[in-house]
Amino acid sequence: MTIGVEIDLDDYCRDVACRARRAAEALATVGGAQKQAWLRRSARLLAERSIALTEANHRDLKRAPEFGLSEAAIDRLRLTPERIAAIARGLEEVAALPEPVGEIIWSSVRPNGLLVQKVRVPLGVIFFIYESRPNVTADAAALCVKAGNAVILRGGKEAAHSSAAIVEIMHEAAGECGLPTDAVQLVATADREAVGRFLAMPDQIDLAIPRGGESLIRRVAAEAKMPVLKHYAGNCHVYLDASAEPEMA
């Protein structure tokens, strides 16, 4: 992946979306064992390429002052051997989750003998927009593909090199495991207008998921022509055990 190259934005975004659609169609027929193998191979390669990943991350850290990142934001951007190991463990954990595609979640035999079932199926193509946290690149790709979906990743420009290095590794693993590499694509331009282009493609993208500040969430919700899974300012929940006294809690 080449970062910062001049491109025709309309053509580029349309090409990425169309490739994701084709990958989603191929991915829909991929079994759980194959996706599991990809996740585990990706995890192993991430752990083995720890030095290369930290070198890519160092390029992002060197540019962080240009973007005016706070110390807290720089810390979230930083990849250490321990954090890379945690990302790899996260992929292993996703691999160990039950296969969602094809799961029967409801079944009923109608009075006329007709069997009616609700079965989990992939959504198709997901556009995932997120902040400058390299671990989210791996997490989002893993969860989307595990559920049988192709994903277009639009991470923060501050983590461009780190995210590109992670996606490159996941592409290598996909090639080894027989998955379409276009099932995971990282948007190669930092142009903010690219987000708007993708949000205007309901014919190619089935769901948009923004993760970030409230302004980003509101922009995506306002511009998207497809369904949006959003959180706005965040949610805080309190869960009480059935045996608890609500007033005391």
Protein backbone atom coordinates (compact mmCIF):
# COMPACT_ATOMS: atom_id res chain seq x y z
CA MET A 1 0.00 0.00 0.00
CA THR A 2 1.29 3.41 -0.97
CA ILE A 3 0.45 6.26 1.38
CA GLY A 4 0.02 9.84 0.22
CA VAL A 5 -0.06 9.20 -3.55
CA GLU A 6 -2.18 11.52 -5.70
CA ILE A 7 -5.29 9.69 -6.89
CA ASP A 8 -8.60 10.41 -8.59
CA LEU A 9 -10.81 10.24 -5.51
CA ASP A 10 -14.06 9.22 -7.20
CA ASP A 11 -12.45 6.44 -9.22
CA TYR A 12 -10.40 5.25 -6.27
CA CYS A 13 -13.31 5.04 -3.82
CA ARG A 14 -15.55 3.33 -6.36
CA ASP A 15 -12.82 0.79 -7.14
CA VAL A 16 -12.26 -0.02 -3.45
CA ALA A 17 -15.99 -0.44 -2.86
CA CYS A 18 -16.48 -2.67 -5.90
CA ARG A 19 -13.55 -4.85 -4.90
CA ALA A 20 -14.99 -5.14 -1.40
CA ARG A 21 -18.35 -6.20 -2.86
CA ARG A 22 -16.73 -8.95 -4.91
CA ALA A 23 -14.74 -10.08 -1.88
CA ALA A 24 -17.90 -10.16 0.25
CA GLU A 25 -19.60 -12.41 -2.29
CA ALA A 26 -16.65 -14.80 -2.20
CA LEU A 27 -16.37 -14.61 1.59
CA ALA A 28 -20.02 -15.59 2.04
CA THR A 29 -19.14 -19.14 0.99
CA VAL A 30 -16.01 -19.45 3.16
CA GLY A 31 -16.37 -21.85 6.08
CA GLY A 32 -15.65 -21.11 9.70
CA ALA A 33 -12.53 -23.27 9.80
CA GLN A 34 -10.94 -21.29 6.98
CA LYS A 35 -11.66 -17.95 8.66
CA GLN A 36 -10.35 -19.35 11.92
CA ALA A 37 -7.13 -20.40 10.19
CA TRP A 38 -6.73 -16.90 8.75
CA LEU A 39 -7.17 -15.27 12.15
CA ARG A 40 -4.66 -17.58 13.79
CA ARG A 41 -2.15 -17.16 10.98
CA SER A 42 -2.56 -13.38 11.19
CA ALA A 43 -1.98 -13.52 14.94
CA ARG A 44 1.15 -15.59 14.49
CA LEU A 45 2.56 -13.29 11.81
CA LEU A 46 1.83 -10.18 13.89
CA ALA A 47 3.78 -11.68 16.77
CA GLU A 48 6.64 -12.70 14.49
CA ARG A 49 6.82 -9.27 12.80
CA SER A 50 6.88 -7.29 16.04
CA ILE A 51 10.07 -5.43 15.08
CA ALA A 52 8.74 -4.44 11.65
CA LEU A 53 5.49 -3.24 13.21
CA THR A 54 7.27 -1.10 15.79
CA GLU A 55 9.41 0.40 13.02
CA ALA A 56 6.28 1.35 11.04
CA ASN A 57 4.75 2.71 14.22
CA HIS A 58 7.87 4.79 14.87
CA ARG A 59 7.27 6.59 11.56
CA ASP A 60 3.82 7.56 12.81
CA LEU A 61 5.15 8.63 16.20
CA LYS A 62 7.74 10.88 14.54
CA ARG A 63 4.94 12.72 12.73
CA ALA A 64 2.62 12.92 15.73
CA PRO A 65 3.70 16.47 16.74
CA GLU A 66 2.72 17.70 13.26
CA PHE A 67 -0.87 16.68 14.00
CA GLY A 68 -0.90 18.29 17.43
CA LEU A 69 -1.64 15.05 19.25
CA SER A 70 -1.85 15.15 23.02
CA GLU A 71 0.37 12.94 25.14
CA ALA A 72 -2.62 10.68 25.79
CA ALA A 73 -3.31 10.39 22.07
CA ILE A 74 0.35 9.64 21.34
CA ASP A 75 0.29 6.92 23.97
CA ARG A 76 -2.77 5.33 22.32
CA LEU A 77 -0.93 5.48 19.00
CA ARG A 78 2.23 3.83 20.32
CA LEU A 79 2.87 0.14 19.62
CA THR A 80 5.14 -1.77 21.98
CA PRO A 81 6.03 -5.48 21.88
CA GLU A 82 3.54 -5.99 24.70
CA ARG A 83 0.75 -4.22 22.82
CA ILE A 84 1.49 -6.13 19.63
CA ALA A 85 1.30 -9.36 21.61
CA ALA A 86 -2.06 -8.21 22.99
CA ILE A 87 -3.34 -7.54 19.45
CA ALA A 88 -2.26 -11.04 18.43
CA ARG A 89 -4.04 -12.52 21.45
CA GLY A 90 -7.15 -10.59 20.49
CA LEU A 91 -7.17 -12.24 17.07
CA GLU A 92 -6.79 -15.64 18.71
CA GLU A 93 -9.77 -14.84 20.92
CA VAL A 94 -11.90 -13.89 17.93
CA ALA A 95 -10.84 -17.12 16.21
CA ALA A 96 -12.07 -19.06 19.24
CA LEU A 97 -15.54 -17.48 19.13
CA PRO A 98 -18.40 -19.65 17.80
CA GLU A 99 -18.99 -19.39 14.06
CA PRO A 100 -21.88 -16.93 13.64
CA VAL A 101 -22.68 -17.49 9.96
CA GLY A 102 -25.38 -20.08 9.46
CA GLU A 103 -26.43 -20.17 13.11
CA ILE A 104 -30.15 -20.83 13.51
CA ILE A 105 -31.45 -18.36 16.10
CA TRP A 106 -35.17 -19.12 15.82
CA SER A 107 -37.20 -21.96 14.40
CA SER A 108 -40.92 -22.69 14.15
CA VAL A 109 -43.14 -25.19 12.40
CA ARG A 110 -46.25 -23.46 11.07
CA PRO A 111 -49.72 -25.06 11.27
CA ASN A 112 -49.42 -26.13 7.63
CA GLY A 113 -46.17 -27.96 8.39
CA LEU A 114 -43.89 -25.32 6.89
CA LEU A 115 -40.60 -24.93 8.77
CA VAL A 116 -39.61 -21.27 9.26
CA GLN A 117 -36.16 -20.36 10.55
CA LYS A 118 -34.12 -17.25 11.27
CA VAL A 119 -30.53 -17.83 10.23
CA ARG A 120 -27.55 -15.50 10.72
CA VAL A 121 -26.06 -14.37 7.41
CA PRO A 122 -23.32 -11.84 6.56
CA LEU A 123 -24.31 -8.21 6.04
CA GLY A 124 -21.99 -7.82 3.05
CA VAL A 125 -19.63 -4.81 3.02
CA ILE A 126 -18.91 -2.69 6.08
CA PHE A 127 -17.31 0.77 6.03
CA PHE A 128 -15.51 1.17 9.36
CA ILE A 129 -14.27 4.66 10.29
CA TYR A 130 -12.15 5.01 13.40
CA GLU A 131 -9.53 7.00 15.25
CA SER A 132 -5.74 6.66 15.30
CA ARG A 133 -5.50 3.44 17.28
CA PRO A 134 -3.61 0.70 15.41
CA ASN A 135 -5.18 -2.08 17.47
CA VAL A 136 -8.62 -1.15 16.10
CA THR A 137 -7.35 -1.92 12.61
CA ALA A 138 -6.80 -5.56 13.56
CA ASP A 139 -9.88 -5.82 15.79
CA ALA A 140 -12.29 -4.39 13.20
CA ALA A 141 -10.91 -6.55 10.40
CA ALA A 142 -11.07 -9.67 12.55
CA LEU A 143 -14.64 -9.17 13.73
CA CYS A 144 -15.99 -8.20 10.31
CA VAL A 145 -14.42 -11.12 8.47
CA LYS A 146 -15.32 -13.55 11.25
CA ALA A 147 -18.96 -12.60 10.58
CA GLY A 148 -18.48 -13.14 6.85
CA ASN A 149 -18.24 -9.49 5.86
CA ALA A 150 -15.73 -7.57 3.78
CA VAL A 151 -14.52 -4.38 5.45
CA ILE A 152 -13.22 -1.05 4.21
CA LEU A 153 -11.11 0.50 6.97
CA ARG A 154 -10.71 4.26 7.24
CA GLY A 155 -8.37 4.87 10.16
CA GLY A 156 -6.92 8.13 11.38
CA LYS A 157 -4.09 9.51 9.24
CA GLU A 158 -1.90 9.72 12.35
CA ALA A 159 -1.64 5.91 12.39
CA ALA A 160 -1.35 5.42 8.62
CA HIS A 161 1.93 3.49 8.58
CA SER A 162 1.03 1.31 11.57
CA SER A 163 -2.37 0.39 10.13
CA ALA A 164 -0.89 -0.30 6.69
CA ALA A 165 1.68 -2.66 8.21
CA ILE A 166 -1.04 -4.56 10.09
CA VAL A 167 -3.26 -4.87 7.01
CA GLU A 168 -0.31 -6.03 4.91
CA ILE A 169 0.25 -8.88 7.37
CA MET A 170 -3.44 -9.80 7.34
CA HIS A 171 -3.34 -9.82 3.53
CA GLU A 172 -0.38 -12.19 3.60
CA ALA A 173 -2.28 -14.51 5.92
CA ALA A 174 -5.37 -14.29 3.71
CA GLY A 175 -3.37 -15.34 0.68
CA GLU A 176 -1.97 -18.32 2.56
CA CYS A 177 -5.40 -19.38 3.84
CA GLY A 178 -7.35 -18.92 0.61
CA LEU A 179 -9.36 -15.86 1.62
CA PRO A 180 -9.84 -12.91 -0.76
CA THR A 181 -7.33 -10.23 0.23
CA ASP A 182 -9.85 -7.55 -0.71
CA ALA A 183 -11.99 -8.70 2.22
CA VAL A 184 -9.85 -6.27 4.24
CA GLN A 185 -8.95 -2.96 2.60
CA LEU A 186 -7.40 0.12 4.17
CA VAL A 187 -8.27 3.44 2.55
CA ALA A 188 -4.98 4.75 1.18
CA THR A 189 -5.82 8.45 1.14
CA ALA A 190 -6.04 10.87 4.05
CA ASP A 191 -8.45 13.10 2.11
CA ARG A 192 -11.46 13.68 4.35
CA GLU A 193 -13.68 13.82 1.27
CA ALA A 194 -13.13 10.09 0.80
CA VAL A 195 -15.43 9.43 3.74
CA GLY A 196 -18.25 11.26 2.00
CA ARG A 197 -17.66 9.32 -1.21
CA PHE A 198 -17.97 5.97 0.55
CA LEU A 199 -21.01 7.09 2.54
CA ALA A 200 -22.77 7.84 -0.76
CA MET A 201 -22.45 4.25 -2.06
CA PRO A 202 -25.42 2.29 -0.69
CA ASP A 203 -25.24 0.09 -3.79
CA GLN A 204 -21.84 -1.23 -2.66
CA ILE A 205 -21.70 -0.68 1.12
CA ASP A 206 -24.29 -2.20 3.45
CA LEU A 207 -23.36 -0.68 6.81
CA ALA A 208 -21.23 2.19 8.12
CA ILE A 209 -19.69 2.02 11.59
CA PRO A 210 -18.07 5.23 12.88
CA ARG A 211 -15.94 5.11 16.01
CA GLY A 212 -14.59 8.40 17.29
CA GLY A 213 -15.62 11.86 18.41
CA GLU A 214 -19.16 13.16 18.40
CA SER A 215 -18.55 15.39 15.36
CA LEU A 216 -17.48 12.37 13.30
CA ILE A 217 -20.49 10.35 14.42
CA ARG A 218 -22.89 13.15 13.56
CA ARG A 219 -21.30 13.69 10.16
CA VAL A 220 -21.57 10.01 9.28
CA ALA A 221 -25.16 9.81 10.52
CA ALA A 222 -26.10 12.86 8.43
CA GLU A 223 -24.34 11.87 5.21
CA ALA A 224 -24.67 8.08 5.08
CA LYS A 225 -27.03 6.62 2.49
CA MET A 226 -26.83 3.22 4.18
CA PRO A 227 -27.63 2.13 7.78
CA VAL A 228 -25.23 3.41 10.45
CA LEU A 229 -24.26 1.67 13.69
CA LYS A 230 -23.36 4.60 15.95
CA HIS A 231 -22.80 5.55 19.57
CA TYR A 232 -22.66 9.38 19.70
CA ALA A 233 -21.30 10.56 23.08
CA GLY A 234 -20.99 7.05 24.49
CA ASN A 235 -23.08 4.89 26.75
CA CYS A 236 -22.72 4.10 30.44
CA HIS A 237 -24.74 1.18 31.73
CA VAL A 238 -25.21 -0.30 35.17
CA TYR A 239 -26.11 -3.97 35.38
CA LEU A 240 -27.74 -5.36 38.50
CA ASP A 241 -27.84 -9.01 39.42
CA ALA A 242 -31.34 -10.44 39.83
CA SER A 243 -30.69 -10.85 43.55
CA ALA A 244 -29.68 -7.19 44.08
CA GLU A 245 -31.85 -4.56 45.73
CA PRO A 246 -32.11 -1.67 43.22
CA GLU A 247 -32.47 1.01 45.91
CA MET A 248 -29.41 -0.23 47.78
CA ALA A 249 -27.40 -0.52 44.58
